[in-house]
Amino acid sequence: MSGTVWGLGVGPGDPELLTLKAVRLLRAAPVIAYPAPEEGDSFARAIVSPHLPGGQEEIAIRMPIGDGQFPKGNIYDRAAVRIADHAAAGRDVAVLCEGDPFFYGSFMYLYARLIARCPVRVVPGVSSLMACADASGAPLAARNDTLTVIPAPLPEDELRARLVASEAAAVIKVGRHLGKLRRILDALGMVERARYIERATLDRQRILPLAEVTGEGAPYFSMVLVHSRGDAWR
C-alpha cells in the first residue's frame, strides 16, 4: 500500500503556530523533507524542531533561496523522485512548507509533480499575511474592501497601478525592492498609511511605519501593509 505525502504548512516562524493536525502528522511520519539553502540550516526545519520525535529519515531539498528565480525545476524533479520512492515503499512523507503550501508556498511545485504518482494531501498553515497583520496591530481589510496581494518584484509601473487600484494591499517579497516600493508609495501620498513588518512572530520581529524605514533593501521575510483609509475599521 502506498504511503501518503503530506504537505504541511508550518507557519511564519513561531513553532506554536503549527496546527494540531500538522504536529500529529509530523510526529508520525517516518520521513520528513524540507527546503533548505545550498549551505546552512533550513528555516522550515528550525520551525518544527521542537516537535520532532527524532529517528526520522530527513531529505533536505537544497536550492538557492530568495534569488527570485522559480520554480527550481530540476531540483524539484529530483526531490519528487526521492519522495515518491518512499511513498511507493509504503512510507508517509511529511514535506515542510513555510507559511501555507498553496499561498506562494514551495510545496506546490512538489504537489504538481507527485499528485499523479501517489496520494498527496495538504495541511493548511498560518500565512505570513495573517501573522504580519497581527504583529502590526491592524486588520488587513473590513466591510467590502478588496484585499490585493502584490509581489514587490513587479515592474515599477505595474506595481504603482496595482497600488492605486487597491483599497487594502499586502506587498510581499519586499527584499531588495524596498526602496522602489517606498518611492512609489511616497509619490502616491500613501507612505504614511503603510506599515513595515520584518520577521513576524520571531524573536527578531520588527514593526515600523514605512516612513521610518531607511535603506534600499529589507530581509527576505518582510512585508508592507497599506490601507487606503489608514486603518480598516475607519
C-alpha atoms as a PDB file:
ATOM      1  CA  MET A   1       0.000   0.000   0.000  1.00  0.00           C
ATOM      2  CA  SER A   2       1.315   3.424  -0.916  1.00  0.00           C
ATOM      3  CA  GLY A   3       2.328   5.939   1.684  1.00  0.00           C
ATOM      4  CA  THR A   4       0.892   9.445   1.691  1.00  0.00           C
ATOM      5  CA  VAL A   5       2.836  12.625   1.041  1.00  0.00           C
ATOM      6  CA  TRP A   6       1.684  15.358   3.412  1.00  0.00           C
ATOM      7  CA  GLY A   7       2.417  18.968   2.556  1.00  0.00           C
ATOM      8  CA  LEU A   8       2.474  20.583   5.985  1.00  0.00           C
ATOM      9  CA  GLY A   9       2.095  24.332   6.328  1.00  0.00           C
ATOM     10  CA  VAL A  10       4.384  25.195   9.239  1.00  0.00           C
ATOM     11  CA  GLY A  11       3.535  28.882   9.548  1.00  0.00           C
ATOM     12  CA  PRO A  12       5.673  32.021   9.610  1.00  0.00           C
ATOM     13  CA  GLY A  13       8.217  31.038  12.259  1.00  0.00           C
ATOM     14  CA  ASP A  14       6.721  30.603  15.724  1.00  0.00           C
ATOM     15  CA  PRO A  15       6.690  26.829  16.486  1.00  0.00           C
ATOM     16  CA  GLU A  16       3.482  27.283  18.489  1.00  0.00           C
ATOM     17  CA  LEU A  17       1.604  28.371  15.364  1.00  0.00           C
ATOM     18  CA  LEU A  18       1.644  24.878  13.844  1.00  0.00           C
ATOM     19  CA  THR A  19      -1.812  23.307  13.752  1.00  0.00           C
ATOM     20  CA  LEU A  20      -2.560  20.283  15.905  1.00  0.00           C
ATOM     21  CA  LYS A  21      -3.028  18.248  12.731  1.00  0.00           C
ATOM     22  CA  ALA A  22       0.362  19.274  11.350  1.00  0.00           C
ATOM     23  CA  VAL A  23       2.111  18.333  14.602  1.00  0.00           C
ATOM     24  CA  ARG A  24       0.366  14.951  14.738  1.00  0.00           C
ATOM     25  CA  LEU A  25       1.323  14.071  11.167  1.00  0.00           C
ATOM     26  CA  LEU A  26       4.843  15.430  11.579  1.00  0.00           C
ATOM     27  CA  ARG A  27       5.489  13.218  14.579  1.00  0.00           C
ATOM     28  CA  ALA A  28       4.044  10.121  12.924  1.00  0.00           C
ATOM     29  CA  ALA A  29       5.835  10.356   9.567  1.00  0.00           C
ATOM     30  CA  PRO A  30       8.942   8.162   9.193  1.00  0.00           C
ATOM     31  CA  VAL A  31      10.337  10.569   6.587  1.00  0.00           C
ATOM     32  CA  ILE A  32      10.423  14.365   6.551  1.00  0.00           C
ATOM     33  CA  ALA A  33      11.509  16.613   3.706  1.00  0.00           C
ATOM     34  CA  TYR A  34      12.069  20.357   3.640  1.00  0.00           C
ATOM     35  CA  PRO A  35      13.521  23.175   1.539  1.00  0.00           C
ATOM     36  CA  ALA A  36      16.984  24.295   2.579  1.00  0.00           C
ATOM     37  CA  PRO A  37      19.581  26.770   1.320  1.00  0.00           C
ATOM     38  CA  GLU A  38      22.543  25.489  -0.631  1.00  0.00           C
ATOM     39  CA  GLU A  39      24.549  25.743   2.589  1.00  0.00           C
ATOM     40  CA  GLY A  40      23.375  26.008   6.170  1.00  0.00           C
ATOM     41  CA  ASP A  41      20.206  25.216   8.087  1.00  0.00           C
ATOM     42  CA  SER A  42      16.642  25.033   6.883  1.00  0.00           C
ATOM     43  CA  PHE A  43      14.263  27.650   8.287  1.00  0.00           C
ATOM     44  CA  ALA A  44      11.287  25.299   7.822  1.00  0.00           C
ATOM     45  CA  ARG A  45      13.021  22.563   9.807  1.00  0.00           C
ATOM     46  CA  ALA A  46      14.005  25.034  12.534  1.00  0.00           C
ATOM     47  CA  ILE A  47      10.332  25.971  12.951  1.00  0.00           C
ATOM     48  CA  VAL A  48       9.267  22.374  13.622  1.00  0.00           C
ATOM     49  CA  SER A  49      12.368  21.224  15.513  1.00  0.00           C
ATOM     50  CA  PRO A  50      10.693  21.426  18.974  1.00  0.00           C
ATOM     51  CA  HIS A  51       8.067  18.960  17.737  1.00  0.00           C
ATOM     52  CA  LEU A  52      10.342  16.364  16.104  1.00  0.00           C
ATOM     53  CA  PRO A  53      10.442  12.976  17.858  1.00  0.00           C
ATOM     54  CA  GLY A  54      13.852  12.008  16.465  1.00  0.00           C
ATOM     55  CA  GLY A  55      14.823   8.987  14.398  1.00  0.00           C
ATOM     56  CA  GLN A  56      13.153  10.134  11.176  1.00  0.00           C
ATOM     57  CA  GLU A  57      14.847   9.986   7.804  1.00  0.00           C
ATOM     58  CA  GLU A  58      15.363  13.530   6.510  1.00  0.00           C
ATOM     59  CA  ILE A  59      15.501  14.856   2.960  1.00  0.00           C
ATOM     60  CA  ALA A  60      16.977  18.356   2.687  1.00  0.00           C
ATOM     61  CA  ILE A  61      15.938  19.838  -0.657  1.00  0.00           C
ATOM     62  CA  ARG A  62      18.823  22.221  -1.211  1.00  0.00           C
ATOM     63  CA  MET A  63      18.355  25.161  -3.559  1.00  0.00           C
ATOM     64  CA  PRO A  64      19.133  28.871  -3.912  1.00  0.00           C
ATOM     65  CA  ILE A  65      16.760  30.622  -1.507  1.00  0.00           C
ATOM     66  CA  GLY A  66      15.389  34.102  -2.136  1.00  0.00           C
ATOM     67  CA  ASP A  67      17.042  34.632  -5.533  1.00  0.00           C
ATOM     68  CA  GLY A  68      13.741  35.406  -7.219  1.00  0.00           C
ATOM     69  CA  GLN A  69      14.056  32.500  -9.665  1.00  0.00           C
ATOM     70  CA  PHE A  70      11.217  29.969  -9.586  1.00  0.00           C
ATOM     71  CA  PRO A  71      10.339  27.222  -9.810  1.00  0.00           C
ATOM     72  CA  LYS A  72      13.632  25.324  -9.462  1.00  0.00           C
ATOM     73  CA  GLY A  73      12.553  22.706 -11.998  1.00  0.00           C
ATOM     74  CA  ASN A  74      15.413  20.222 -11.914  1.00  0.00           C
ATOM     75  CA  ILE A  75      15.695  20.451  -8.120  1.00  0.00           C
ATOM     76  CA  TYR A  76      12.008  19.725  -7.610  1.00  0.00           C
ATOM     77  CA  ASP A  77      12.162  16.929 -10.212  1.00  0.00           C
ATOM     78  CA  ARG A  78      14.869  15.129  -8.254  1.00  0.00           C
ATOM     79  CA  ALA A  79      13.199  15.710  -4.895  1.00  0.00           C
ATOM     80  CA  ALA A  80       9.883  14.401  -6.219  1.00  0.00           C
ATOM     81  CA  VAL A  81      11.546  11.167  -7.316  1.00  0.00           C
ATOM     82  CA  ARG A  82      13.051  10.583  -3.856  1.00  0.00           C
ATOM     83  CA  ILE A  83       9.770  11.382  -2.115  1.00  0.00           C
ATOM     84  CA  ALA A  84       7.720   9.215  -4.499  1.00  0.00           C
ATOM     85  CA  ASP A  85      10.086   6.287  -3.900  1.00  0.00           C
ATOM     86  CA  HIS A  86       9.404   6.475  -0.161  1.00  0.00           C
ATOM     87  CA  ALA A  87       5.655   6.636  -0.775  1.00  0.00           C
ATOM     88  CA  ALA A  88       5.861   3.646  -3.141  1.00  0.00           C
ATOM     89  CA  ALA A  89       7.564   1.703  -0.353  1.00  0.00           C
ATOM     90  CA  GLY A  90       4.614   2.452   1.944  1.00  0.00           C
ATOM     91  CA  ARG A  91       6.222   5.233   3.942  1.00  0.00           C
ATOM     92  CA  ASP A  92       4.413   8.504   4.678  1.00  0.00           C
ATOM     93  CA  VAL A  93       6.455  11.631   3.970  1.00  0.00           C
ATOM     94  CA  ALA A  94       5.867  14.953   5.736  1.00  0.00           C
ATOM     95  CA  VAL A  95       7.045  17.794   3.498  1.00  0.00           C
ATOM     96  CA  LEU A  96       7.506  21.073   5.362  1.00  0.00           C
ATOM     97  CA  CYS A  97       6.444  24.347   3.813  1.00  0.00           C
ATOM     98  CA  GLU A  98       6.833  27.767   5.430  1.00  0.00           C
ATOM     99  CA  GLY A  99       3.524  29.586   5.737  1.00  0.00           C
ATOM    100  CA  ASP A 100       0.785  27.845   3.775  1.00  0.00           C
ATOM    101  CA  PRO A 101       1.560  25.352   0.979  1.00  0.00           C
ATOM    102  CA  PHE A 102      -0.891  26.840  -1.511  1.00  0.00           C
ATOM    103  CA  PHE A 103      -0.220  30.522  -0.794  1.00  0.00           C
ATOM    104  CA  TYR A 104       3.053  31.175  -2.638  1.00  0.00           C
ATOM    105  CA  GLY A 105       4.332  28.012  -0.947  1.00  0.00           C
ATOM    106  CA  SER A 106       7.237  25.917  -2.213  1.00  0.00           C
ATOM    107  CA  PHE A 107       5.257  22.690  -1.770  1.00  0.00           C
ATOM    108  CA  MET A 108       3.014  23.495  -4.738  1.00  0.00           C
ATOM    109  CA  TYR A 109       5.853  22.583  -7.108  1.00  0.00           C
ATOM    110  CA  LEU A 110       6.241  19.163  -5.497  1.00  0.00           C
ATOM    111  CA  TYR A 111       2.473  18.697  -5.422  1.00  0.00           C
ATOM    112  CA  ALA A 112       2.310  19.177  -9.193  1.00  0.00           C
ATOM    113  CA  ARG A 113       4.987  16.523  -9.685  1.00  0.00           C
ATOM    114  CA  LEU A 114       3.618  13.991  -7.187  1.00  0.00           C
ATOM    115  CA  ILE A 115      -0.166  14.091  -7.488  1.00  0.00           C
ATOM    116  CA  ALA A 116      -0.232  11.573 -10.359  1.00  0.00           C
ATOM    117  CA  ARG A 117       2.220   9.228  -8.625  1.00  0.00           C
ATOM    118  CA  CYS A 118       0.948   8.818  -5.067  1.00  0.00           C
ATOM    119  CA  PRO A 119      -1.620  10.118  -2.564  1.00  0.00           C
ATOM    120  CA  VAL A 120      -0.829  13.752  -1.721  1.00  0.00           C
ATOM    121  CA  ARG A 121      -2.608  15.833   0.909  1.00  0.00           C
ATOM    122  CA  VAL A 122      -2.142  19.401   2.115  1.00  0.00           C
ATOM    123  CA  VAL A 123      -2.481  20.695   5.671  1.00  0.00           C
ATOM    124  CA  PRO A 124      -3.034  24.476   5.661  1.00  0.00           C
ATOM    125  CA  GLY A 125      -0.685  26.664   7.683  1.00  0.00           C
ATOM    126  CA  VAL A 126      -0.782  30.146   9.179  1.00  0.00           C
ATOM    127  CA  SER A 127       0.217  32.532   6.417  1.00  0.00           C
ATOM    128  CA  SER A 128       2.733  35.332   6.924  1.00  0.00           C
ATOM    129  CA  LEU A 129      -0.060  37.605   5.714  1.00  0.00           C
ATOM    130  CA  MET A 130      -2.079  36.888   8.862  1.00  0.00           C
ATOM    131  CA  ALA A 131       0.991  36.938  11.090  1.00  0.00           C
ATOM    132  CA  CYS A 132       2.057  40.368   9.809  1.00  0.00           C
ATOM    133  CA  ALA A 133      -1.416  41.830  10.293  1.00  0.00           C
ATOM    134  CA  ASP A 134      -1.427  40.583  13.876  1.00  0.00           C
ATOM    135  CA  ALA A 135       2.091  41.880  14.520  1.00  0.00           C
ATOM    136  CA  SER A 136       1.202  45.324  13.199  1.00  0.00           C
ATOM    137  CA  GLY A 137      -1.993  45.514  15.231  1.00  0.00           C
ATOM    138  CA  ALA A 138      -4.028  46.411  12.150  1.00  0.00           C
ATOM    139  CA  PRO A 139      -6.707  44.372  10.323  1.00  0.00           C
ATOM    140  CA  LEU A 140      -5.998  43.654   6.685  1.00  0.00           C
ATOM    141  CA  ALA A 141      -9.444  44.591   5.390  1.00  0.00           C
ATOM    142  CA  ALA A 142     -13.013  45.270   6.531  1.00  0.00           C
ATOM    143  CA  ARG A 143     -16.549  45.611   5.223  1.00  0.00           C
ATOM    144  CA  ASN A 144     -16.479  45.302   1.419  1.00  0.00           C
ATOM    145  CA  ASP A 145     -12.788  46.081   0.989  1.00  0.00           C
ATOM    146  CA  THR A 146     -10.917  44.220  -1.711  1.00  0.00           C
ATOM    147  CA  LEU A 147      -7.592  42.913  -0.418  1.00  0.00           C
ATOM    148  CA  THR A 148      -4.837  42.767  -3.030  1.00  0.00           C
ATOM    149  CA  VAL A 149      -1.648  40.733  -2.564  1.00  0.00           C
ATOM    150  CA  ILE A 150       1.110  42.354  -4.613  1.00  0.00           C
ATOM    151  CA  PRO A 151       4.620  40.938  -5.203  1.00  0.00           C
ATOM    152  CA  ALA A 152       7.175  43.749  -4.872  1.00  0.00           C
ATOM    153  CA  PRO A 153       9.380  42.427  -7.733  1.00  0.00           C
ATOM    154  CA  LEU A 154       6.737  43.555 -10.257  1.00  0.00           C
ATOM    155  CA  PRO A 155       7.894  46.260 -12.700  1.00  0.00           C
ATOM    156  CA  GLU A 156       7.543  49.728 -11.215  1.00  0.00           C
ATOM    157  CA  ASP A 157       4.674  50.862 -13.453  1.00  0.00           C
ATOM    158  CA  GLU A 158       2.653  47.720 -12.714  1.00  0.00           C
ATOM    159  CA  LEU A 159       3.356  47.921  -9.003  1.00  0.00           C
ATOM    160  CA  ARG A 160       2.187  51.530  -8.973  1.00  0.00           C
ATOM    161  CA  ALA A 161      -1.003  50.708 -10.914  1.00  0.00           C
ATOM    162  CA  ARG A 162      -1.938  47.869  -8.583  1.00  0.00           C
ATOM    163  CA  LEU A 163      -1.375  50.018  -5.502  1.00  0.00           C
ATOM    164  CA  VAL A 164      -3.504  52.827  -6.930  1.00  0.00           C
ATOM    165  CA  ALA A 165      -6.342  50.372  -7.552  1.00  0.00           C
ATOM    166  CA  SER A 166      -6.157  48.729  -4.100  1.00  0.00           C
ATOM    167  CA  GLU A 167      -8.314  49.532  -1.084  1.00  0.00           C
ATOM    168  CA  ALA A 168      -6.106  47.282   1.038  1.00  0.00           C
ATOM    169  CA  ALA A 169      -2.776  45.876  -0.086  1.00  0.00           C
ATOM    170  CA  ALA A 170      -0.238  43.426   1.238  1.00  0.00           C
ATOM    171  CA  VAL A 171       3.082  43.833  -0.566  1.00  0.00           C
ATOM    172  CA  ILE A 172       5.125  40.646  -0.281  1.00  0.00           C
ATOM    173  CA  LYS A 173       8.645  39.642  -1.329  1.00  0.00           C
ATOM    174  CA  VAL A 174       9.883  43.118  -0.415  1.00  0.00           C
ATOM    175  CA  GLY A 175      13.585  42.309  -0.042  1.00  0.00           C
ATOM    176  CA  ARG A 176      15.763  44.405  -2.333  1.00  0.00           C
ATOM    177  CA  HIS A 177      12.660  46.193  -3.695  1.00  0.00           C
ATOM    178  CA  LEU A 178      12.065  48.194  -0.514  1.00  0.00           C
ATOM    179  CA  GLY A 179      13.424  51.471  -1.901  1.00  0.00           C
ATOM    180  CA  LYS A 180      11.348  51.220  -5.079  1.00  0.00           C
ATOM    181  CA  LEU A 181       8.200  50.467  -3.090  1.00  0.00           C
ATOM    182  CA  ARG A 182       8.744  53.332  -0.660  1.00  0.00           C
ATOM    183  CA  ARG A 183       9.297  55.802  -3.525  1.00  0.00           C
ATOM    184  CA  ILE A 184       6.064  54.717  -5.212  1.00  0.00           C
ATOM    185  CA  LEU A 185       4.001  54.964  -2.032  1.00  0.00           C
ATOM    186  CA  ASP A 186       5.548  58.334  -1.221  1.00  0.00           C
ATOM    187  CA  ALA A 187       4.672  59.679  -4.681  1.00  0.00           C
ATOM    188  CA  LEU A 188       1.109  58.396  -4.260  1.00  0.00           C
ATOM    189  CA  GLY A 189       0.762  60.050  -0.857  1.00  0.00           C
ATOM    190  CA  MET A 190       0.290  56.642   0.770  1.00  0.00           C
ATOM    191  CA  VAL A 191       3.560  56.137   2.636  1.00  0.00           C
ATOM    192  CA  GLU A 192       2.129  57.468   5.915  1.00  0.00           C
ATOM    193  CA  ARG A 193      -0.552  54.764   5.791  1.00  0.00           C
ATOM    194  CA  ALA A 194       1.916  51.924   5.238  1.00  0.00           C
ATOM    195  CA  ARG A 195       3.318  49.575   7.889  1.00  0.00           C
ATOM    196  CA  TYR A 196       6.550  47.617   7.547  1.00  0.00           C
ATOM    197  CA  ILE A 197       6.820  44.202   9.232  1.00  0.00           C
ATOM    198  CA  GLU A 198      10.004  42.158   9.315  1.00  0.00           C
ATOM    199  CA  ARG A 199      10.396  38.552  10.560  1.00  0.00           C
ATOM    200  CA  ALA A 200       6.875  38.362  12.007  1.00  0.00           C
ATOM    201  CA  THR A 201       6.470  36.055  15.056  1.00  0.00           C
ATOM    202  CA  LEU A 202      10.227  35.592  15.516  1.00  0.00           C
ATOM    203  CA  ASP A 203      12.394  36.973  18.320  1.00  0.00           C
ATOM    204  CA  ARG A 204      13.875  39.447  15.813  1.00  0.00           C
ATOM    205  CA  GLN A 205      10.452  40.735  14.750  1.00  0.00           C
ATOM    206  CA  ARG A 206      10.461  44.402  13.782  1.00  0.00           C
ATOM    207  CA  ILE A 207       7.461  46.646  13.091  1.00  0.00           C
ATOM    208  CA  LEU A 208       7.753  50.255  11.901  1.00  0.00           C
ATOM    209  CA  PRO A 209       5.799  52.842   9.955  1.00  0.00           C
ATOM    210  CA  LEU A 210       7.217  52.547   6.455  1.00  0.00           C
ATOM    211  CA  ALA A 211       8.120  56.240   6.528  1.00  0.00           C
ATOM    212  CA  GLU A 212      10.664  55.468   9.272  1.00  0.00           C
ATOM    213  CA  VAL A 213      12.389  52.612   7.452  1.00  0.00           C
ATOM    214  CA  THR A 214      15.700  53.539   5.850  1.00  0.00           C
ATOM    215  CA  GLY A 215      17.806  51.830   3.229  1.00  0.00           C
ATOM    216  CA  GLU A 216      17.058  50.307  -0.146  1.00  0.00           C
ATOM    217  CA  GLY A 217      16.666  46.695   0.927  1.00  0.00           C
ATOM    218  CA  ALA A 218      14.960  44.511   3.512  1.00  0.00           C
ATOM    219  CA  PRO A 219      15.299  40.913   4.712  1.00  0.00           C
ATOM    220  CA  TYR A 220      13.662  38.141   2.711  1.00  0.00           C
ATOM    221  CA  PHE A 221      10.991  37.768   5.392  1.00  0.00           C
ATOM    222  CA  SER A 222       9.427  41.210   5.238  1.00  0.00           C
ATOM    223  CA  MET A 223       6.114  42.692   4.149  1.00  0.00           C
ATOM    224  CA  VAL A 224       4.412  46.067   3.793  1.00  0.00           C
ATOM    225  CA  LEU A 225       0.708  46.503   4.593  1.00  0.00           C
ATOM    226  CA  VAL A 226      -1.138  49.579   3.392  1.00  0.00           C
ATOM    227  CA  HIS A 227      -4.796  50.555   3.573  1.00  0.00           C
ATOM    228  CA  SER A 228      -6.445  53.400   1.685  1.00  0.00           C
ATOM    229  CA  ARG A 229      -8.199  54.552   4.879  1.00  0.00           C
ATOM    230  CA  GLY A 230      -5.136  54.112   7.053  1.00  0.00           C
ATOM    231  CA  ASP A 231      -6.979  51.688   9.332  1.00  0.00           C
ATOM    232  CA  ALA A 232      -9.517  49.176   8.048  1.00  0.00           C
ATOM    233  CA  TRP A 233     -12.039  49.977  10.779  1.00  0.00           C
ATOM    234  CA  ARG A 234     -12.362  53.646   9.789  1.00  0.00           C
END
